Amino acid sequence: MPKKILSYSLVLLLLTLVQLLLVSRMSFMGITPDIISIMVVYTALRHGRTGAMNIGFAGGLLLGFFTGNMGAEALAKTIEGFVAGSIHLPEESHASASQKQRYFYKGLLIASIAGNTVTGMLLNAHLLPVPLNLFLTLVIGTAMTMLTGVIAYQLLLGKILTRK
C-alpha cells in the first residue's frame, strides 16, 4: 500500500504541475480543462469513493496551494471524488472495455459538473453575476474537461483500465 500511495502522490504532483504550467495556457474566458478531475475519476473507477475523495482532497489542496484557492479547490475536488465514487468497478468486475469507457465518461461528466458547480459558486474571477458565472463555468469548464478526458482515455487511460 505505501508504494501505491507514493506512486499516486507523484502522479498527482506531476499532474498538478502540468495543470499549472501547460493546461492553464489552454484557457478560454479564464476557464481551463481540469486534468486533476480526470485523475479523481480514474481513481474512483479503480479504488472507489474513499480513494477518489482522498485523491480529490489532496489534489485540491495541492492545486489550491499554487493558485491561492486552497479551500475552494479542496472542497470541489473532494465533492468530485464523492460523486465519481458511485462508478466504482471492482478489480474482479467482468466489465467489457466499452462498459469501462462509458463508466469513465459518465463519471467524468458528473464529477466535472459537481466540481464546476462548487468552483463557480465560490470563485468568481470575472466578478460576473453568480448565475452567469455558474453557467459559463459549468458549460465551458465541463466541455473542456470532457474533451481532455476523451483524449486522455483514448491515449492512455483506456489501455490501463482494460488490461487484465
N, C-alpha and C. Protein backbone atom coordinates (compact mmCIF):
# COMPACT_ATOMS: atom_id res chain seq x y z
N MET A 1 0.80 -1.21 0.00
CA MET A 1 0.00 0.00 0.00
C MET A 1 0.85 1.27 0.00
N PRO A 2 1.94 1.35 0.79
CA PRO A 2 2.75 2.57 0.76
C PRO A 2 3.32 2.87 -0.63
N LYS A 3 3.64 1.82 -1.41
CA LYS A 3 4.13 2.05 -2.77
C LYS A 3 3.05 2.71 -3.62
N LYS A 4 1.82 2.24 -3.44
CA LYS A 4 0.70 2.79 -4.20
C LYS A 4 0.46 4.25 -3.82
N ILE A 5 0.55 4.55 -2.53
CA ILE A 5 0.36 5.93 -2.07
C ILE A 5 1.45 6.83 -2.65
N LEU A 6 2.68 6.35 -2.63
CA LEU A 6 3.78 7.13 -3.18
C LEU A 6 3.61 7.35 -4.67
N SER A 7 3.22 6.31 -5.40
CA SER A 7 3.07 6.46 -6.84
C SER A 7 1.91 7.41 -7.17
N TYR A 8 0.79 7.29 -6.46
CA TYR A 8 -0.33 8.20 -6.69
C TYR A 8 0.06 9.63 -6.32
N SER A 9 0.83 9.81 -5.27
CA SER A 9 1.28 11.15 -4.87
C SER A 9 2.16 11.78 -5.93
N LEU A 10 3.07 10.99 -6.48
CA LEU A 10 3.95 11.51 -7.53
C LEU A 10 3.17 11.86 -8.79
N VAL A 11 2.23 11.00 -9.18
CA VAL A 11 1.40 11.29 -10.35
C VAL A 11 0.58 12.55 -10.11
N LEU A 12 0.03 12.69 -8.92
CA LEU A 12 -0.76 13.87 -8.58
C LEU A 12 0.08 15.14 -8.63
N LEU A 13 1.29 15.08 -8.11
CA LEU A 13 2.19 16.23 -8.18
C LEU A 13 2.53 16.57 -9.63
N LEU A 14 2.82 15.56 -10.43
CA LEU A 14 3.13 15.77 -11.85
C LEU A 14 1.93 16.39 -12.58
N LEU A 15 0.75 15.84 -12.34
CA LEU A 15 -0.45 16.38 -12.99
C LEU A 15 -0.74 17.81 -12.55
N THR A 16 -0.48 18.12 -11.30
CA THR A 16 -0.69 19.49 -10.82
C THR A 16 0.25 20.45 -11.53
N LEU A 17 1.50 20.04 -11.69
CA LEU A 17 2.46 20.89 -12.41
C LEU A 17 2.06 21.05 -13.87
N VAL A 18 1.63 19.96 -14.50
CA VAL A 18 1.17 20.04 -15.89
C VAL A 18 -0.06 20.95 -15.98
N GLN A 19 -0.97 20.83 -15.02
CA GLN A 19 -2.17 21.68 -14.99
C GLN A 19 -1.78 23.16 -14.92
N LEU A 20 -0.84 23.47 -14.05
CA LEU A 20 -0.46 24.86 -13.83
C LEU A 20 0.42 25.43 -14.94
N LEU A 21 1.32 24.61 -15.48
CA LEU A 21 2.29 25.12 -16.44
C LEU A 21 1.86 24.98 -17.90
N LEU A 22 1.10 23.95 -18.22
CA LEU A 22 0.72 23.71 -19.62
C LEU A 22 -0.77 23.89 -19.89
N VAL A 23 -1.58 23.18 -19.13
CA VAL A 23 -3.02 23.18 -19.39
C VAL A 23 -3.62 24.57 -19.16
N SER A 24 -3.08 25.30 -18.22
CA SER A 24 -3.61 26.65 -17.95
C SER A 24 -3.44 27.58 -19.15
N ARG A 25 -2.59 27.23 -20.08
CA ARG A 25 -2.40 28.03 -21.29
C ARG A 25 -3.54 27.81 -22.29
N MET A 26 -4.34 26.76 -22.08
CA MET A 26 -5.49 26.47 -22.95
C MET A 26 -6.75 27.10 -22.41
N SER A 27 -6.62 28.22 -21.77
CA SER A 27 -7.73 28.89 -21.11
C SER A 27 -8.67 29.55 -22.12
N PHE A 28 -9.96 29.48 -21.82
CA PHE A 28 -10.97 30.19 -22.59
C PHE A 28 -11.85 30.93 -21.60
N MET A 29 -11.84 32.23 -21.66
CA MET A 29 -12.58 33.08 -20.71
C MET A 29 -12.19 32.76 -19.27
N GLY A 30 -10.92 32.44 -19.05
CA GLY A 30 -10.42 32.15 -17.72
C GLY A 30 -10.74 30.75 -17.22
N ILE A 31 -11.32 29.92 -18.06
CA ILE A 31 -11.70 28.56 -17.68
C ILE A 31 -10.80 27.58 -18.43
N THR A 32 -10.26 26.61 -17.70
CA THR A 32 -9.35 25.64 -18.30
C THR A 32 -9.85 24.22 -18.08
N PRO A 33 -9.39 23.28 -18.93
CA PRO A 33 -9.69 21.87 -18.65
C PRO A 33 -9.07 21.48 -17.31
N ASP A 34 -9.63 20.49 -16.68
CA ASP A 34 -9.18 20.10 -15.35
C ASP A 34 -8.67 18.66 -15.37
N ILE A 35 -7.35 18.49 -15.44
CA ILE A 35 -6.81 17.13 -15.51
C ILE A 35 -6.75 16.46 -14.13
N ILE A 36 -6.85 17.24 -13.08
CA ILE A 36 -6.93 16.63 -11.74
C ILE A 36 -8.26 15.88 -11.62
N SER A 37 -9.31 16.42 -12.21
CA SER A 37 -10.61 15.74 -12.19
C SER A 37 -10.53 14.40 -12.91
N ILE A 38 -9.75 14.33 -13.97
CA ILE A 38 -9.58 13.08 -14.70
C ILE A 38 -8.92 12.04 -13.80
N MET A 39 -7.93 12.48 -13.03
CA MET A 39 -7.27 11.56 -12.08
C MET A 39 -8.25 11.11 -10.99
N VAL A 40 -9.08 12.02 -10.53
CA VAL A 40 -10.07 11.67 -9.49
C VAL A 40 -11.03 10.60 -10.02
N VAL A 41 -11.50 10.76 -11.24
CA VAL A 41 -12.44 9.78 -11.82
C VAL A 41 -11.74 8.45 -12.07
N TYR A 42 -10.52 8.49 -12.55
CA TYR A 42 -9.76 7.25 -12.73
C TYR A 42 -9.63 6.51 -11.39
N THR A 43 -9.31 7.25 -10.35
CA THR A 43 -9.18 6.66 -9.01
C THR A 43 -10.52 6.10 -8.54
N ALA A 44 -11.61 6.80 -8.84
CA ALA A 44 -12.93 6.30 -8.46
C ALA A 44 -13.23 4.97 -9.13
N LEU A 45 -12.88 4.87 -10.40
CA LEU A 45 -13.10 3.60 -11.10
C LEU A 45 -12.31 2.47 -10.48
N ARG A 46 -11.07 2.75 -10.14
CA ARG A 46 -10.17 1.70 -9.64
C ARG A 46 -10.34 1.41 -8.15
N HIS A 47 -10.56 2.43 -7.34
CA HIS A 47 -10.49 2.26 -5.88
C HIS A 47 -11.74 2.70 -5.12
N GLY A 48 -12.75 3.18 -5.82
CA GLY A 48 -13.99 3.53 -5.15
C GLY A 48 -14.03 4.94 -4.60
N ARG A 49 -15.09 5.19 -3.86
CA ARG A 49 -15.40 6.53 -3.36
C ARG A 49 -14.33 7.07 -2.41
N THR A 50 -13.89 6.26 -1.45
CA THR A 50 -12.92 6.76 -0.46
C THR A 50 -11.60 7.14 -1.12
N GLY A 51 -11.11 6.28 -2.00
CA GLY A 51 -9.86 6.59 -2.70
C GLY A 51 -9.98 7.84 -3.55
N ALA A 52 -11.12 7.98 -4.24
CA ALA A 52 -11.34 9.16 -5.09
C ALA A 52 -11.44 10.43 -4.26
N MET A 53 -12.11 10.34 -3.11
CA MET A 53 -12.21 11.52 -2.24
C MET A 53 -10.84 11.90 -1.68
N ASN A 54 -10.04 10.92 -1.33
CA ASN A 54 -8.69 11.21 -0.83
C ASN A 54 -7.83 11.87 -1.90
N ILE A 55 -7.87 11.31 -3.11
CA ILE A 55 -7.10 11.90 -4.22
C ILE A 55 -7.65 13.29 -4.53
N GLY A 56 -8.97 13.45 -4.52
CA GLY A 56 -9.56 14.75 -4.79
C GLY A 56 -9.15 15.79 -3.76
N PHE A 57 -9.20 15.42 -2.49
CA PHE A 57 -8.81 16.35 -1.44
C PHE A 57 -7.33 16.73 -1.57
N ALA A 58 -6.47 15.73 -1.75
CA ALA A 58 -5.03 16.01 -1.89
C ALA A 58 -4.75 16.84 -3.14
N GLY A 59 -5.40 16.48 -4.25
CA GLY A 59 -5.21 17.25 -5.48
C GLY A 59 -5.72 18.67 -5.36
N GLY A 60 -6.85 18.84 -4.69
CA GLY A 60 -7.39 20.18 -4.47
C GLY A 60 -6.50 21.03 -3.58
N LEU A 61 -5.98 20.42 -2.53
CA LEU A 61 -5.04 21.15 -1.66
C LEU A 61 -3.79 21.56 -2.43
N LEU A 62 -3.26 20.63 -3.20
CA LEU A 62 -2.04 20.90 -3.95
C LEU A 62 -2.27 22.00 -4.99
N LEU A 63 -3.34 21.86 -5.75
CA LEU A 63 -3.67 22.87 -6.76
C LEU A 63 -3.98 24.21 -6.10
N GLY A 64 -4.74 24.18 -5.03
CA GLY A 64 -5.09 25.40 -4.32
C GLY A 64 -3.89 26.09 -3.69
N PHE A 65 -2.91 25.30 -3.26
CA PHE A 65 -1.70 25.88 -2.69
C PHE A 65 -1.01 26.78 -3.71
N PHE A 66 -0.98 26.35 -4.96
CA PHE A 66 -0.31 27.13 -6.00
C PHE A 66 -1.18 28.25 -6.56
N THR A 67 -2.51 28.10 -6.49
CA THR A 67 -3.39 29.12 -7.06
C THR A 67 -3.94 30.10 -6.03
N GLY A 68 -3.81 29.76 -4.75
CA GLY A 68 -4.32 30.63 -3.70
C GLY A 68 -5.77 30.36 -3.34
N ASN A 69 -6.34 29.30 -3.88
CA ASN A 69 -7.74 28.95 -3.60
C ASN A 69 -7.82 27.59 -2.93
N MET A 70 -7.01 27.39 -1.91
CA MET A 70 -6.85 26.06 -1.33
C MET A 70 -8.17 25.46 -0.84
N GLY A 71 -8.94 26.20 -0.10
CA GLY A 71 -10.18 25.66 0.45
C GLY A 71 -11.20 25.32 -0.61
N ALA A 72 -11.40 26.23 -1.56
CA ALA A 72 -12.39 26.00 -2.61
C ALA A 72 -12.00 24.83 -3.50
N GLU A 73 -10.73 24.76 -3.86
CA GLU A 73 -10.26 23.65 -4.71
C GLU A 73 -10.36 22.32 -3.99
N ALA A 74 -9.97 22.29 -2.72
CA ALA A 74 -10.03 21.04 -1.95
C ALA A 74 -11.49 20.58 -1.81
N LEU A 75 -12.39 21.52 -1.53
CA LEU A 75 -13.80 21.16 -1.41
C LEU A 75 -14.35 20.65 -2.74
N ALA A 76 -14.06 21.35 -3.82
CA ALA A 76 -14.58 20.95 -5.14
C ALA A 76 -14.07 19.57 -5.54
N LYS A 77 -12.79 19.33 -5.36
CA LYS A 77 -12.22 18.03 -5.76
C LYS A 77 -12.69 16.90 -4.85
N THR A 78 -12.90 17.18 -3.57
CA THR A 78 -13.43 16.15 -2.67
C THR A 78 -14.85 15.79 -3.07
N ILE A 79 -15.65 16.78 -3.41
CA ILE A 79 -17.02 16.51 -3.87
C ILE A 79 -16.98 15.74 -5.19
N GLU A 80 -16.06 16.09 -6.07
CA GLU A 80 -15.91 15.32 -7.31
C GLU A 80 -15.62 13.85 -7.01
N GLY A 81 -14.74 13.61 -6.05
CA GLY A 81 -14.41 12.24 -5.67
C GLY A 81 -15.61 11.51 -5.10
N PHE A 82 -16.40 12.22 -4.29
CA PHE A 82 -17.60 11.61 -3.71
C PHE A 82 -18.60 11.23 -4.80
N VAL A 83 -18.85 12.16 -5.71
CA VAL A 83 -19.81 11.92 -6.79
C VAL A 83 -19.30 10.83 -7.74
N ALA A 84 -18.05 10.92 -8.12
CA ALA A 84 -17.49 9.94 -9.06
C ALA A 84 -17.36 8.56 -8.42
N GLY A 85 -17.32 8.49 -7.12
CA GLY A 85 -17.19 7.22 -6.42
C GLY A 85 -18.33 6.26 -6.68
N SER A 86 -19.43 6.76 -7.19
CA SER A 86 -20.57 5.89 -7.49
C SER A 86 -20.33 5.02 -8.72
N ILE A 87 -19.26 5.26 -9.45
CA ILE A 87 -18.99 4.48 -10.67
C ILE A 87 -17.92 3.41 -10.46
N HIS A 88 -17.59 3.10 -9.24
CA HIS A 88 -16.53 2.13 -8.93
C HIS A 88 -16.75 0.79 -9.63
N LEU A 89 -15.71 0.30 -10.29
CA LEU A 89 -15.71 -1.04 -10.89
C LEU A 89 -14.68 -1.88 -10.14
N PRO A 90 -15.11 -2.88 -9.40
CA PRO A 90 -14.15 -3.71 -8.67
C PRO A 90 -13.18 -4.41 -9.62
N GLU A 91 -12.00 -4.75 -9.11
CA GLU A 91 -10.99 -5.43 -9.92
C GLU A 91 -11.53 -6.71 -10.54
N GLU A 92 -12.36 -7.44 -9.79
CA GLU A 92 -12.89 -8.71 -10.29
C GLU A 92 -14.08 -8.52 -11.23
N SER A 93 -14.40 -7.28 -11.56
CA SER A 93 -15.51 -6.99 -12.46
C SER A 93 -15.23 -7.56 -13.85
N HIS A 94 -16.27 -8.05 -14.47
CA HIS A 94 -16.14 -8.59 -15.83
C HIS A 94 -16.64 -7.58 -16.86
N ALA A 95 -16.52 -6.32 -16.55
CA ALA A 95 -16.98 -5.27 -17.45
C ALA A 95 -16.12 -5.28 -18.71
N SER A 96 -16.78 -5.09 -19.84
CA SER A 96 -16.06 -5.04 -21.12
C SER A 96 -15.35 -3.69 -21.24
N ALA A 97 -14.51 -3.59 -22.26
CA ALA A 97 -13.77 -2.34 -22.49
C ALA A 97 -14.74 -1.19 -22.77
N SER A 98 -15.80 -1.45 -23.53
CA SER A 98 -16.75 -0.37 -23.83
C SER A 98 -17.54 0.03 -22.58
N GLN A 99 -17.84 -0.93 -21.70
CA GLN A 99 -18.52 -0.59 -20.46
C GLN A 99 -17.62 0.27 -19.57
N LYS A 100 -16.35 -0.07 -19.49
CA LYS A 100 -15.41 0.73 -18.70
C LYS A 100 -15.30 2.14 -19.26
N GLN A 101 -15.29 2.24 -20.58
CA GLN A 101 -15.21 3.55 -21.22
C GLN A 101 -16.45 4.38 -20.88
N ARG A 102 -17.62 3.78 -20.97
CA ARG A 102 -18.86 4.50 -20.63
C ARG A 102 -18.86 4.93 -19.17
N TYR A 103 -18.43 4.04 -18.29
CA TYR A 103 -18.37 4.38 -16.87
C TYR A 103 -17.43 5.57 -16.65
N PHE A 104 -16.28 5.55 -17.32
CA PHE A 104 -15.32 6.65 -17.16
C PHE A 104 -15.93 7.97 -17.63
N TYR A 105 -16.55 7.97 -18.81
CA TYR A 105 -17.12 9.21 -19.34
C TYR A 105 -18.28 9.71 -18.49
N LYS A 106 -19.13 8.80 -18.03
CA LYS A 106 -20.24 9.21 -17.15
C LYS A 106 -19.70 9.80 -15.84
N GLY A 107 -18.72 9.12 -15.28
CA GLY A 107 -18.13 9.60 -14.04
C GLY A 107 -17.48 10.96 -14.21
N LEU A 108 -16.77 11.14 -15.33
CA LEU A 108 -16.12 12.43 -15.57
C LEU A 108 -17.16 13.53 -15.76
N LEU A 109 -18.24 13.22 -16.44
CA LEU A 109 -19.28 14.22 -16.65
C LEU A 109 -19.91 14.65 -15.33
N ILE A 110 -20.33 13.70 -14.51
CA ILE A 110 -20.99 14.09 -13.25
C ILE A 110 -20.01 14.73 -12.27
N ALA A 111 -18.76 14.25 -12.26
CA ALA A 111 -17.76 14.85 -11.37
C ALA A 111 -17.43 16.27 -11.81
N SER A 112 -17.29 16.46 -13.11
CA SER A 112 -16.97 17.79 -13.62
C SER A 112 -18.10 18.78 -13.35
N ILE A 113 -19.32 18.34 -13.54
CA ILE A 113 -20.47 19.21 -13.24
C ILE A 113 -20.48 19.57 -11.75
N ALA A 114 -20.26 18.58 -10.90
CA ALA A 114 -20.26 18.84 -9.45
C ALA A 114 -19.13 19.79 -9.06
N GLY A 115 -17.92 19.51 -9.54
CA GLY A 115 -16.77 20.35 -9.21
C GLY A 115 -16.90 21.76 -9.76
N ASN A 116 -17.39 21.88 -10.99
CA ASN A 116 -17.56 23.20 -11.59
C ASN A 116 -18.68 23.99 -10.92
N THR A 117 -19.68 23.30 -10.41
CA THR A 117 -20.73 23.99 -9.67
C THR A 117 -20.16 24.63 -8.40
N VAL A 118 -19.35 23.86 -7.69
CA VAL A 118 -18.75 24.37 -6.45
C VAL A 118 -17.80 25.53 -6.76
N THR A 119 -16.90 25.34 -7.72
CA THR A 119 -15.95 26.42 -8.02
C THR A 119 -16.66 27.63 -8.63
N GLY A 120 -17.70 27.39 -9.42
CA GLY A 120 -18.45 28.50 -10.00
C GLY A 120 -19.16 29.33 -8.94
N MET A 121 -19.57 28.69 -7.86
CA MET A 121 -20.25 29.41 -6.78
C MET A 121 -19.26 30.10 -5.85
N LEU A 122 -18.09 29.50 -5.65
CA LEU A 122 -17.13 30.04 -4.68
C LEU A 122 -16.11 31.00 -5.30
N LEU A 123 -15.73 30.75 -6.53
CA LEU A 123 -14.70 31.56 -7.17
C LEU A 123 -15.30 32.29 -8.36
N ASN A 124 -15.24 33.59 -8.35
CA ASN A 124 -15.81 34.39 -9.42
C ASN A 124 -14.77 35.41 -9.86
N ALA A 125 -13.82 34.97 -10.66
CA ALA A 125 -12.69 35.80 -11.05
C ALA A 125 -13.09 37.00 -11.89
N HIS A 126 -14.16 36.88 -12.68
CA HIS A 126 -14.56 37.96 -13.57
C HIS A 126 -15.59 38.90 -12.95
N LEU A 127 -15.97 38.61 -11.70
CA LEU A 127 -16.98 39.41 -11.00
C LEU A 127 -18.28 39.51 -11.79
N LEU A 128 -18.64 38.42 -12.43
CA LEU A 128 -19.90 38.34 -13.16
C LEU A 128 -21.02 38.05 -12.17
N PRO A 129 -22.25 38.30 -12.57
CA PRO A 129 -23.36 37.84 -11.72
C PRO A 129 -23.24 36.32 -11.52
N VAL A 130 -23.54 35.86 -10.32
CA VAL A 130 -23.32 34.45 -9.97
C VAL A 130 -24.00 33.49 -10.95
N PRO A 131 -25.26 33.71 -11.36
CA PRO A 131 -25.86 32.76 -12.31
C PRO A 131 -25.10 32.69 -13.63
N LEU A 132 -24.64 33.83 -14.14
CA LEU A 132 -23.89 33.83 -15.40
C LEU A 132 -22.54 33.15 -15.22
N ASN A 133 -21.85 33.45 -14.13
CA ASN A 133 -20.56 32.81 -13.86
C ASN A 133 -20.73 31.31 -13.71
N LEU A 134 -21.77 30.90 -13.01
CA LEU A 134 -22.04 29.48 -12.81
C LEU A 134 -22.33 28.80 -14.14
N PHE A 135 -23.13 29.45 -14.98
CA PHE A 135 -23.45 28.88 -16.29
C PHE A 135 -22.19 28.73 -17.14
N LEU A 136 -21.39 29.78 -17.22
CA LEU A 136 -20.17 29.72 -18.03
C LEU A 136 -19.21 28.66 -17.50
N THR A 137 -19.03 28.62 -16.19
CA THR A 137 -18.13 27.64 -15.59
C THR A 137 -18.63 26.22 -15.86
N LEU A 138 -19.93 26.02 -15.71
CA LEU A 138 -20.48 24.69 -15.94
C LEU A 138 -20.36 24.26 -17.40
N VAL A 139 -20.80 25.10 -18.30
CA VAL A 139 -20.83 24.71 -19.71
C VAL A 139 -19.42 24.63 -20.29
N ILE A 140 -18.66 25.70 -20.18
CA ILE A 140 -17.33 25.71 -20.79
C ILE A 140 -16.37 24.79 -20.05
N GLY A 141 -16.37 24.87 -18.72
CA GLY A 141 -15.46 24.04 -17.93
C GLY A 141 -15.72 22.56 -18.11
N THR A 142 -16.99 22.16 -18.08
CA THR A 142 -17.32 20.75 -18.25
C THR A 142 -16.98 20.28 -19.66
N ALA A 143 -17.29 21.09 -20.66
CA ALA A 143 -16.98 20.70 -22.04
C ALA A 143 -15.47 20.54 -22.25
N MET A 144 -14.69 21.47 -21.72
CA MET A 144 -13.24 21.38 -21.88
C MET A 144 -12.66 20.19 -21.13
N THR A 145 -13.17 19.92 -19.93
CA THR A 145 -12.68 18.77 -19.16
C THR A 145 -13.09 17.47 -19.84
N MET A 146 -14.30 17.40 -20.38
CA MET A 146 -14.74 16.19 -21.08
C MET A 146 -13.88 15.94 -22.31
N LEU A 147 -13.60 16.97 -23.08
CA LEU A 147 -12.76 16.81 -24.27
C LEU A 147 -11.37 16.32 -23.88
N THR A 148 -10.80 16.90 -22.85
CA THR A 148 -9.49 16.46 -22.36
C THR A 148 -9.56 15.03 -21.85
N GLY A 149 -10.65 14.67 -21.18
CA GLY A 149 -10.83 13.31 -20.69
C GLY A 149 -10.93 12.29 -21.80
N VAL A 150 -11.63 12.64 -22.88
CA VAL A 150 -11.73 11.74 -24.04
C VAL A 150 -10.34 11.50 -24.63
N ILE A 151 -9.58 12.56 -24.78
CA ILE A 151 -8.22 12.42 -25.31
C ILE A 151 -7.36 11.57 -24.38
N ALA A 152 -7.42 11.85 -23.08
CA ALA A 152 -6.63 11.07 -22.11
C ALA A 152 -7.03 9.61 -22.12
N TYR A 153 -8.32 9.33 -22.24
CA TYR A 153 -8.78 7.94 -22.25
C TYR A 153 -8.30 7.23 -23.51
N GLN A 154 -8.41 7.90 -24.64
CA GLN A 154 -8.01 7.27 -25.90
C GLN A 154 -6.50 7.03 -25.96
N LEU A 155 -5.72 7.94 -25.41
CA LEU A 155 -4.27 7.81 -25.49
C LEU A 155 -3.67 6.92 -24.41
N LEU A 156 -4.23 6.93 -23.20
CA LEU A 156 -3.57 6.24 -22.09
C LEU A 156 -4.50 5.46 -21.17
N LEU A 157 -5.48 6.12 -20.63
CA LEU A 157 -6.30 5.50 -19.59
C LEU A 157 -7.06 4.28 -20.06
N GLY A 158 -7.52 4.28 -21.30
CA GLY A 158 -8.23 3.12 -21.83
C GLY A 158 -7.38 1.87 -21.82
N LYS A 159 -6.11 2.04 -22.15
CA LYS A 159 -5.19 0.89 -22.14
C LYS A 159 -4.95 0.38 -20.72
N ILE A 160 -4.85 1.30 -19.78
CA ILE A 160 -4.61 0.91 -18.38
C ILE A 160 -5.84 0.21 -17.80
N LEU A 161 -7.02 0.76 -18.06
CA LEU A 161 -8.24 0.22 -17.46
C LEU A 161 -8.66 -1.12 -18.06
N THR A 162 -8.30 -1.37 -19.31
CA THR A 162 -8.75 -2.61 -19.96
C THR A 162 -7.75 -3.75 -19.86
N ARG A 163 -6.57 -3.51 -19.37
CA ARG A 163 -5.63 -4.63 -19.24
C ARG A 163 -6.02 -5.47 -18.03
N LYS A 164 -5.77 -6.71 -18.14
CA LYS A 164 -6.15 -7.66 -17.07
C LYS A 164 -5.03 -7.83 -16.07
